[in-house]
All heavy atoms as atom14 arrays in JSON, in Angstrom:
{
  "sequence": "EYISAELKRLDATLQDLDEKQNSKKEAIFKVQQRIQSLQTGK",
  "atom14_mask": [
    [1, 1, 1, 1, 1, 1, 1, 1, 1, 0, 0, 0, 0, 0],
    [1, 1, 1, 1, 1, 1, 1, 1, 1, 1, 1, 1, 0, 0],
    [1, 1, 1, 1, 1, 1, 1, 1, 0, 0, 0, 0, 0, 0],
    [1, 1, 1, 1, 1, 1, 0, 0, 0, 0, 0, 0, 0, 0],
    [1, 1, 1, 1, 1, 0, 0, 0, 0, 0, 0, 0, 0, 0],
    [1, 1, 1, 1, 1, 1, 1, 1, 1, 0, 0, 0, 0, 0],
    [1, 1, 1, 1, 1, 1, 1, 1, 0, 0, 0, 0, 0, 0],
    [1, 1, 1, 1, 1, 1, 1, 1, 1, 0, 0, 0, 0, 0],
    [1, 1, 1, 1, 1, 1, 1, 1, 1, 1, 1, 0, 0, 0],
    [1, 1, 1, 1, 1, 1, 1, 1, 0, 0, 0, 0, 0, 0],
    [1, 1, 1, 1, 1, 1, 1, 1, 0, 0, 0, 0, 0, 0],
    [1, 1, 1, 1, 1, 0, 0, 0, 0, 0, 0, 0, 0, 0],
    [1, 1, 1, 1, 1, 1, 1, 0, 0, 0, 0, 0, 0, 0],
    [1, 1, 1, 1, 1, 1, 1, 1, 0, 0, 0, 0, 0, 0],
    [1, 1, 1, 1, 1, 1, 1, 1, 1, 0, 0, 0, 0, 0],
    [1, 1, 1, 1, 1, 1, 1, 1, 0, 0, 0, 0, 0, 0],
    [1, 1, 1, 1, 1, 1, 1, 1, 0, 0, 0, 0, 0, 0],
    [1, 1, 1, 1, 1, 1, 1, 1, 0, 0, 0, 0, 0, 0],
    [1, 1, 1, 1, 1, 1, 1, 1, 1, 0, 0, 0, 0, 0],
    [1, 1, 1, 1, 1, 1, 1, 1, 1, 0, 0, 0, 0, 0],
    [1, 1, 1, 1, 1, 1, 1, 1, 1, 0, 0, 0, 0, 0],
    [1, 1, 1, 1, 1, 1, 1, 1, 0, 0, 0, 0, 0, 0],
    [1, 1, 1, 1, 1, 1, 0, 0, 0, 0, 0, 0, 0, 0],
    [1, 1, 1, 1, 1, 1, 1, 1, 1, 0, 0, 0, 0, 0],
    [1, 1, 1, 1, 1, 1, 1, 1, 1, 0, 0, 0, 0, 0],
    [1, 1, 1, 1, 1, 1, 1, 1, 1, 0, 0, 0, 0, 0],
    [1, 1, 1, 1, 1, 0, 0, 0, 0, 0, 0, 0, 0, 0],
    [1, 1, 1, 1, 1, 1, 1, 1, 0, 0, 0, 0, 0, 0],
    [1, 1, 1, 1, 1, 1, 1, 1, 1, 1, 1, 0, 0, 0],
    [1, 1, 1, 1, 1, 1, 1, 1, 1, 0, 0, 0, 0, 0],
    [1, 1, 1, 1, 1, 1, 1, 0, 0, 0, 0, 0, 0, 0],
    [1, 1, 1, 1, 1, 1, 1, 1, 1, 0, 0, 0, 0, 0],
    [1, 1, 1, 1, 1, 1, 1, 1, 1, 0, 0, 0, 0, 0],
    [1, 1, 1, 1, 1, 1, 1, 1, 1, 1, 1, 0, 0, 0],
    [1, 1, 1, 1, 1, 1, 1, 1, 0, 0, 0, 0, 0, 0],
    [1, 1, 1, 1, 1, 1, 1, 1, 1, 0, 0, 0, 0, 0],
    [1, 1, 1, 1, 1, 1, 0, 0, 0, 0, 0, 0, 0, 0],
    [1, 1, 1, 1, 1, 1, 1, 1, 0, 0, 0, 0, 0, 0],
    [1, 1, 1, 1, 1, 1, 1, 1, 1, 0, 0, 0, 0, 0],
    [1, 1, 1, 1, 1, 1, 1, 0, 0, 0, 0, 0, 0, 0],
    [1, 1, 1, 1, 0, 0, 0, 0, 0, 0, 0, 0, 0, 0],
    [1, 1, 1, 1, 1, 1, 1, 1, 1, 0, 0, 0, 0, 0]
  ],
  "atom14_positions": [
    [[4.19, 8.92, 29.93], [3.51, 9.79, 29.04], [4.21, 9.82, 27.66], [3.63, 9.71, 26.62], [3.47, 11.17, 29.56], [2.34, 11.48, 30.48], [2.39, 12.98, 31.09], [2.78, 13.78, 30.4], [2.08, 13.05, 32.27], [0.0, 0.0, 0.0], [0.0, 0.0, 0.0], [0.0, 0.0, 0.0], [0.0, 0.0, 0.0], [0.0, 0.0, 0.0]],
    [[5.65, 9.84, 27.79], [6.42, 9.97, 26.48], [6.26, 8.75, 25.77], [6.0, 8.79, 24.58], [7.79, 10.26, 26.92], [8.8, 10.11, 25.65], [8.91, 11.22, 24.82], [9.52, 8.98, 25.55], [9.62, 10.96, 23.72], [10.29, 8.81, 24.42], [10.44, 9.86, 23.52], [11.28, 9.72, 22.4], [0.0, 0.0, 0.0], [0.0, 0.0, 0.0]],
    [[6.32, 7.69, 26.42], [6.24, 6.32, 25.73], [4.93, 6.19, 25.0], [4.8, 5.71, 23.85], [6.57, 5.12, 26.63], [8.1, 5.24, 27.01], [6.3, 3.75, 25.94], [8.47, 4.21, 28.17], [0.0, 0.0, 0.0], [0.0, 0.0, 0.0], [0.0, 0.0, 0.0], [0.0, 0.0, 0.0], [0.0, 0.0, 0.0], [0.0, 0.0, 0.0]],
    [[3.78, 6.46, 25.7], [2.5, 6.35, 25.27], [2.33, 7.35, 23.91], [1.68, 7.03, 22.99], [1.55, 6.9, 26.29], [1.47, 5.94, 27.38], [0.0, 0.0, 0.0], [0.0, 0.0, 0.0], [0.0, 0.0, 0.0], [0.0, 0.0, 0.0], [0.0, 0.0, 0.0], [0.0, 0.0, 0.0], [0.0, 0.0, 0.0], [0.0, 0.0, 0.0]],
    [[2.99, 8.52, 23.98], [2.88, 9.44, 22.9], [3.5, 8.81, 21.69], [3.09, 8.92, 20.65], [3.47, 10.9, 23.31], [0.0, 0.0, 0.0], [0.0, 0.0, 0.0], [0.0, 0.0, 0.0], [0.0, 0.0, 0.0], [0.0, 0.0, 0.0], [0.0, 0.0, 0.0], [0.0, 0.0, 0.0], [0.0, 0.0, 0.0], [0.0, 0.0, 0.0]],
    [[4.71, 8.31, 22.01], [5.52, 7.66, 20.85], [4.72, 6.41, 20.22], [4.72, 6.27, 19.09], [6.88, 7.16, 21.41], [7.86, 8.13, 21.58], [8.12, 8.91, 20.25], [8.72, 8.27, 19.31], [7.88, 10.16, 20.19], [0.0, 0.0, 0.0], [0.0, 0.0, 0.0], [0.0, 0.0, 0.0], [0.0, 0.0, 0.0], [0.0, 0.0, 0.0]],
    [[3.96, 5.69, 21.15], [3.23, 4.53, 20.64], [2.17, 5.05, 19.75], [1.84, 4.42, 18.7], [2.67, 3.68, 21.77], [3.73, 2.74, 22.43], [3.12, 2.17, 23.63], [4.09, 1.66, 21.45], [0.0, 0.0, 0.0], [0.0, 0.0, 0.0], [0.0, 0.0, 0.0], [0.0, 0.0, 0.0], [0.0, 0.0, 0.0], [0.0, 0.0, 0.0]],
    [[1.44, 6.17, 20.08], [0.39, 6.7, 19.37], [0.93, 7.17, 17.92], [0.31, 6.94, 16.94], [-0.27, 7.89, 20.06], [-1.19, 7.54, 21.02], [-1.83, 8.68, 21.85], [-2.74, 8.21, 23.04], [-3.26, 9.33, 23.75], [0.0, 0.0, 0.0], [0.0, 0.0, 0.0], [0.0, 0.0, 0.0], [0.0, 0.0, 0.0], [0.0, 0.0, 0.0]],
    [[2.09, 7.82, 17.99], [2.78, 8.28, 16.69], [3.18, 7.07, 15.78], [2.86, 7.17, 14.58], [4.05, 9.02, 17.09], [4.76, 9.74, 15.89], [6.05, 10.39, 16.26], [7.0, 9.47, 16.7], [7.73, 8.56, 16.04], [7.54, 8.65, 14.7], [8.68, 7.7, 16.46], [0.0, 0.0, 0.0], [0.0, 0.0, 0.0], [0.0, 0.0, 0.0]],
    [[3.67, 6.01, 16.5], [3.91, 4.88, 15.68], [2.7, 4.33, 15.07], [2.72, 3.66, 13.99], [4.72, 3.98, 16.5], [6.22, 4.27, 16.9], [6.72, 3.32, 17.93], [7.02, 4.11, 15.62], [0.0, 0.0, 0.0], [0.0, 0.0, 0.0], [0.0, 0.0, 0.0], [0.0, 0.0, 0.0], [0.0, 0.0, 0.0], [0.0, 0.0, 0.0]],
    [[1.67, 4.29, 15.83], [0.34, 3.64, 15.36], [-0.16, 4.44, 14.09], [-0.51, 3.95, 13.12], [-0.68, 3.63, 16.42], [-0.48, 2.61, 17.44], [0.23, 1.64, 17.09], [-1.1, 2.65, 18.56], [0.0, 0.0, 0.0], [0.0, 0.0, 0.0], [0.0, 0.0, 0.0], [0.0, 0.0, 0.0], [0.0, 0.0, 0.0], [0.0, 0.0, 0.0]],
    [[0.04, 5.81, 14.19], [-0.41, 6.64, 13.13], [0.46, 6.48, 11.86], [-0.02, 6.38, 10.72], [-0.43, 8.12, 13.5], [0.0, 0.0, 0.0], [0.0, 0.0, 0.0], [0.0, 0.0, 0.0], [0.0, 0.0, 0.0], [0.0, 0.0, 0.0], [0.0, 0.0, 0.0], [0.0, 0.0, 0.0], [0.0, 0.0, 0.0], [0.0, 0.0, 0.0]],
    [[1.71, 6.35, 12.13], [2.55, 6.01, 10.95], [2.36, 4.68, 10.21], [2.37, 4.54, 9.14], [4.07, 6.03, 11.53], [4.31, 7.35, 12.1], [5.13, 5.78, 10.49], [0.0, 0.0, 0.0], [0.0, 0.0, 0.0], [0.0, 0.0, 0.0], [0.0, 0.0, 0.0], [0.0, 0.0, 0.0], [0.0, 0.0, 0.0], [0.0, 0.0, 0.0]],
    [[2.03, 3.7, 11.29], [1.78, 2.31, 10.78], [0.55, 2.3, 9.87], [0.47, 1.71, 8.85], [1.62, 1.34, 11.86], [1.34, -0.15, 11.55], [2.47, -0.58, 10.61], [1.13, -0.96, 12.74], [0.0, 0.0, 0.0], [0.0, 0.0, 0.0], [0.0, 0.0, 0.0], [0.0, 0.0, 0.0], [0.0, 0.0, 0.0], [0.0, 0.0, 0.0]],
    [[-0.49, 3.07, 10.28], [-1.69, 3.17, 9.59], [-1.45, 3.79, 8.21], [-2.01, 3.37, 7.17], [-2.74, 3.91, 10.36], [-4.09, 4.03, 9.71], [-5.13, 4.71, 10.54], [-4.87, 5.23, 11.63], [-6.39, 4.62, 10.18], [0.0, 0.0, 0.0], [0.0, 0.0, 0.0], [0.0, 0.0, 0.0], [0.0, 0.0, 0.0], [0.0, 0.0, 0.0]],
    [[-0.66, 4.84, 8.18], [-0.21, 5.5, 6.88], [0.49, 4.54, 5.99], [0.1, 4.45, 4.76], [0.47, 6.8, 7.25], [0.94, 7.58, 6.0], [0.06, 7.87, 5.31], [2.17, 7.87, 5.81], [0.0, 0.0, 0.0], [0.0, 0.0, 0.0], [0.0, 0.0, 0.0], [0.0, 0.0, 0.0], [0.0, 0.0, 0.0], [0.0, 0.0, 0.0]],
    [[1.38, 3.81, 6.62], [2.16, 2.86, 5.82], [1.3, 1.85, 5.32], [1.44, 1.33, 4.03], [3.31, 2.32, 6.71], [4.53, 3.2, 6.97], [5.46, 2.5, 7.99], [5.15, 3.53, 5.72], [0.0, 0.0, 0.0], [0.0, 0.0, 0.0], [0.0, 0.0, 0.0], [0.0, 0.0, 0.0], [0.0, 0.0, 0.0], [0.0, 0.0, 0.0]],
    [[0.29, 1.31, 6.0], [-0.61, 0.25, 5.57], [-1.4, 0.72, 4.3], [-1.55, 0.03, 3.46], [-1.44, -0.21, 6.69], [-0.82, -1.2, 7.61], [0.09, -1.78, 7.16], [-1.36, -1.25, 8.76], [0.0, 0.0, 0.0], [0.0, 0.0, 0.0], [0.0, 0.0, 0.0], [0.0, 0.0, 0.0], [0.0, 0.0, 0.0], [0.0, 0.0, 0.0]],
    [[-1.77, 1.99, 4.52], [-2.65, 2.65, 3.35], [-1.83, 2.65, 2.15], [-2.22, 2.33, 1.02], [-3.21, 3.96, 3.86], [-4.37, 3.9, 4.79], [-4.71, 5.21, 5.46], [-4.22, 6.21, 4.99], [-5.5, 5.16, 6.29], [0.0, 0.0, 0.0], [0.0, 0.0, 0.0], [0.0, 0.0, 0.0], [0.0, 0.0, 0.0], [0.0, 0.0, 0.0]],
    [[-0.6, 3.13, 2.32], [0.3, 3.26, 1.11], [0.56, 1.82, 0.56], [0.59, 1.66, -0.69], [1.62, 3.93, 1.52], [1.52, 5.45, 1.74], [2.93, 5.9, 2.18], [2.86, 7.49, 2.4], [4.15, 7.94, 2.81], [0.0, 0.0, 0.0], [0.0, 0.0, 0.0], [0.0, 0.0, 0.0], [0.0, 0.0, 0.0], [0.0, 0.0, 0.0]],
    [[0.78, 0.89, 1.44], [1.07, -0.5, 0.91], [-0.17, -1.0, 0.15], [-0.05, -1.63, -0.91], [1.33, -1.46, 2.19], [1.61, -2.84, 1.74], [1.7, -3.72, 3.0], [2.29, -3.32, 3.95], [1.39, -5.0, 2.83], [0.0, 0.0, 0.0], [0.0, 0.0, 0.0], [0.0, 0.0, 0.0], [0.0, 0.0, 0.0], [0.0, 0.0, 0.0]],
    [[-1.41, -0.82, 0.65], [-2.58, -1.26, -0.07], [-2.78, -0.67, -1.41], [-3.07, -1.31, -2.42], [-3.78, -1.08, 0.77], [-3.89, -1.89, 2.02], [-3.21, -3.01, 1.93], [-4.6, -1.59, 2.97], [0.0, 0.0, 0.0], [0.0, 0.0, 0.0], [0.0, 0.0, 0.0], [0.0, 0.0, 0.0], [0.0, 0.0, 0.0], [0.0, 0.0, 0.0]],
    [[-2.42, 0.8, -1.43], [-2.61, 1.41, -2.82], [-1.49, 0.95, -3.71], [-1.73, 0.83, -5.02], [-2.5, 2.91, -2.59], [-1.31, 3.4, -2.33], [0.0, 0.0, 0.0], [0.0, 0.0, 0.0], [0.0, 0.0, 0.0], [0.0, 0.0, 0.0], [0.0, 0.0, 0.0], [0.0, 0.0, 0.0], [0.0, 0.0, 0.0], [0.0, 0.0, 0.0]],
    [[-0.22, 0.67, -3.25], [0.78, 0.03, -4.06], [0.39, -1.23, -4.68], [0.61, -1.58, -5.81], [2.15, -0.05, -3.38], [2.95, 1.18, -3.22], [3.51, 1.51, -4.49], [4.17, 2.9, -4.48], [4.35, 3.65, -5.72], [0.0, 0.0, 0.0], [0.0, 0.0, 0.0], [0.0, 0.0, 0.0], [0.0, 0.0, 0.0], [0.0, 0.0, 0.0]],
    [[-0.21, -2.16, -3.88], [-0.59, -3.44, -4.25], [-1.71, -3.34, -5.35], [-1.63, -4.11, -6.29], [-1.17, -4.29, -3.04], [-0.11, -4.79, -2.18], [-0.75, -5.6, -1.04], [0.3, -6.22, -0.01], [-0.21, -6.96, 1.0], [0.0, 0.0, 0.0], [0.0, 0.0, 0.0], [0.0, 0.0, 0.0], [0.0, 0.0, 0.0], [0.0, 0.0, 0.0]],
    [[-2.55, -2.36, -5.2], [-3.57, -2.17, -6.25], [-3.06, -1.7, -7.44], [-3.5, -2.17, -8.58], [-4.7, -1.1, -5.78], [-5.62, -1.68, -4.64], [-6.58, -0.57, -4.18], [-6.88, 0.39, -4.86], [-7.0, -0.68, -2.95], [0.0, 0.0, 0.0], [0.0, 0.0, 0.0], [0.0, 0.0, 0.0], [0.0, 0.0, 0.0], [0.0, 0.0, 0.0]],
    [[-2.03, -0.82, -7.29], [-1.44, -0.25, -8.67], [-0.59, -1.37, -9.32], [-0.64, -1.54, -10.47], [-0.47, 0.81, -8.24], [0.0, 0.0, 0.0], [0.0, 0.0, 0.0], [0.0, 0.0, 0.0], [0.0, 0.0, 0.0], [0.0, 0.0, 0.0], [0.0, 0.0, 0.0], [0.0, 0.0, 0.0], [0.0, 0.0, 0.0], [0.0, 0.0, 0.0]],
    [[0.05, -2.23, -8.47], [0.73, -3.37, -9.06], [-0.24, -4.26, -9.76], [0.15, -4.78, -10.88], [1.59, -4.1, -8.03], [2.85, -3.32, -7.57], [2.01, -5.48, -8.42], [3.5, -3.83, -6.37], [0.0, 0.0, 0.0], [0.0, 0.0, 0.0], [0.0, 0.0, 0.0], [0.0, 0.0, 0.0], [0.0, 0.0, 0.0], [0.0, 0.0, 0.0]],
    [[-1.25, -4.58, -9.24], [-2.29, -5.47, -9.73], [-2.81, -4.9, -11.19], [-3.07, -5.73, -12.06], [-3.55, -5.6, -8.83], [-4.6, -6.62, -9.3], [-4.36, -7.9, -9.43], [-5.83, -6.14, -9.61], [-5.28, -8.87, -9.89], [-6.86, -6.93, -10.1], [-6.57, -8.28, -10.19], [0.0, 0.0, 0.0], [0.0, 0.0, 0.0], [0.0, 0.0, 0.0]],
    [[-3.12, -3.64, -11.28], [-3.56, -2.93, -12.4], [-2.64, -3.19, -13.5], [-2.92, -3.36, -14.57], [-3.95, -1.55, -12.08], [-5.27, -1.4, -11.32], [-5.5, 0.05, -11.03], [-6.84, 0.2, -10.25], [-7.06, 1.55, -9.81], [0.0, 0.0, 0.0], [0.0, 0.0, 0.0], [0.0, 0.0, 0.0], [0.0, 0.0, 0.0], [0.0, 0.0, 0.0]],
    [[-1.25, -2.82, -13.09], [-0.16, -2.94, -14.15], [-0.05, -4.44, -14.63], [-0.02, -4.62, -15.81], [1.11, -2.44, -13.62], [2.29, -2.71, -14.55], [1.06, -0.92, -13.26], [0.0, 0.0, 0.0], [0.0, 0.0, 0.0], [0.0, 0.0, 0.0], [0.0, 0.0, 0.0], [0.0, 0.0, 0.0], [0.0, 0.0, 0.0], [0.0, 0.0, 0.0]],
    [[-0.18, -5.34, -13.61], [-0.11, -6.82, -14.09], [-1.22, -7.08, -15.03], [-1.08, -7.81, -16.02], [-0.2, -7.62, -12.85], [1.13, -7.7, -12.11], [0.95, -8.39, -10.74], [-0.09, -8.53, -10.09], [2.06, -9.03, -10.28], [0.0, 0.0, 0.0], [0.0, 0.0, 0.0], [0.0, 0.0, 0.0], [0.0, 0.0, 0.0], [0.0, 0.0, 0.0]],
    [[-2.45, -6.58, -14.81], [-3.57, -6.92, -15.64], [-3.26, -6.25, -17.05], [-3.63, -6.91, -18.04], [-4.85, -6.21, -15.02], [-5.42, -7.01, -14.0], [-6.79, -6.41, -13.46], [-6.82, -5.17, -13.31], [-7.63, -7.3, -13.1], [0.0, 0.0, 0.0], [0.0, 0.0, 0.0], [0.0, 0.0, 0.0], [0.0, 0.0, 0.0], [0.0, 0.0, 0.0]],
    [[-2.75, -5.0, -17.14], [-2.51, -4.39, -18.45], [-1.4, -5.24, -19.2], [-1.55, -5.42, -20.38], [-2.1, -2.98, -18.28], [-3.23, -2.02, -17.87], [-2.79, -0.66, -17.39], [-1.98, -0.02, -18.3], [-1.2, 0.99, -17.89], [-1.22, 1.45, -16.64], [-0.41, 1.65, -18.84], [0.0, 0.0, 0.0], [0.0, 0.0, 0.0], [0.0, 0.0, 0.0]],
    [[-0.4, -5.7, -18.45], [0.64, -6.49, -19.03], [-0.1, -7.76, -19.68], [0.23, -8.19, -20.78], [1.71, -6.8, -18.12], [2.66, -5.57, -17.82], [2.66, -8.04, -18.63], [3.65, -5.83, -16.7], [0.0, 0.0, 0.0], [0.0, 0.0, 0.0], [0.0, 0.0, 0.0], [0.0, 0.0, 0.0], [0.0, 0.0, 0.0], [0.0, 0.0, 0.0]],
    [[-0.78, -8.46, -18.87], [-1.49, -9.6, -19.2], [-2.31, -9.46, -20.48], [-2.34, -10.16, -21.42], [-2.38, -10.17, -18.07], [-2.56, -11.74, -18.15], [-3.19, -12.18, -16.82], [-3.79, -11.41, -16.17], [-2.98, -13.49, -16.58], [0.0, 0.0, 0.0], [0.0, 0.0, 0.0], [0.0, 0.0, 0.0], [0.0, 0.0, 0.0], [0.0, 0.0, 0.0]],
    [[-3.06, -8.31, -20.54], [-4.02, -8.07, -21.63], [-3.15, -7.75, -22.91], [-3.6, -8.09, -23.91], [-4.93, -6.91, -21.33], [-4.27, -5.67, -21.17], [0.0, 0.0, 0.0], [0.0, 0.0, 0.0], [0.0, 0.0, 0.0], [0.0, 0.0, 0.0], [0.0, 0.0, 0.0], [0.0, 0.0, 0.0], [0.0, 0.0, 0.0], [0.0, 0.0, 0.0]],
    [[-1.98, -7.15, -22.68], [-1.09, -6.83, -23.92], [-0.51, -8.16, -24.39], [-0.45, -8.41, -25.64], [0.01, -5.89, -23.53], [-0.34, -4.54, -23.56], [0.88, -3.66, -23.1], [-0.73, -4.04, -24.96], [0.0, 0.0, 0.0], [0.0, 0.0, 0.0], [0.0, 0.0, 0.0], [0.0, 0.0, 0.0], [0.0, 0.0, 0.0], [0.0, 0.0, 0.0]],
    [[-0.2, -9.08, -23.44], [0.39, -10.34, -23.92], [-0.61, -11.24, -24.55], [-0.27, -11.99, -25.48], [1.05, -11.07, -22.7], [2.23, -10.41, -22.25], [2.83, -11.02, -20.95], [2.11, -11.61, -20.14], [4.06, -10.83, -20.63], [0.0, 0.0, 0.0], [0.0, 0.0, 0.0], [0.0, 0.0, 0.0], [0.0, 0.0, 0.0], [0.0, 0.0, 0.0]],
    [[-1.81, -11.13, -24.22], [-2.81, -12.08, -24.84], [-3.38, -11.33, -26.12], [-4.14, -11.96, -26.8], [-4.07, -12.24, -23.9], [-4.55, -11.06, -23.55], [-3.51, -13.09, -22.74], [0.0, 0.0, 0.0], [0.0, 0.0, 0.0], [0.0, 0.0, 0.0], [0.0, 0.0, 0.0], [0.0, 0.0, 0.0], [0.0, 0.0, 0.0], [0.0, 0.0, 0.0]],
    [[-2.94, -10.07, -26.3], [-3.38, -9.42, -27.62], [-4.8, -8.78, -27.48], [-5.23, -8.26, -28.5], [0.0, 0.0, 0.0], [0.0, 0.0, 0.0], [0.0, 0.0, 0.0], [0.0, 0.0, 0.0], [0.0, 0.0, 0.0], [0.0, 0.0, 0.0], [0.0, 0.0, 0.0], [0.0, 0.0, 0.0], [0.0, 0.0, 0.0], [0.0, 0.0, 0.0]],
    [[-5.45, -8.83, -26.36], [-6.78, -8.34, -26.27], [-6.77, -6.8, -25.84], [-7.7, -6.17, -26.25], [-7.5, -9.05, -25.1], [-7.78, -10.49, -25.49], [-8.37, -11.25, -24.29], [-8.6, -12.69, -24.43], [-9.07, -13.37, -23.37], [0.0, 0.0, 0.0], [0.0, 0.0, 0.0], [0.0, 0.0, 0.0], [0.0, 0.0, 0.0], [0.0, 0.0, 0.0]]
  ]
}
């Protein structure tokens, strides 16, 4: 029971971390696009 509960907790944590990772990747992509547009002068 204890191990199963820990696995569920770890799964929830992993899902949260995955969501945070995806939002960070999107934010990085947006910043890269802004840098690129500044560098091209557009």
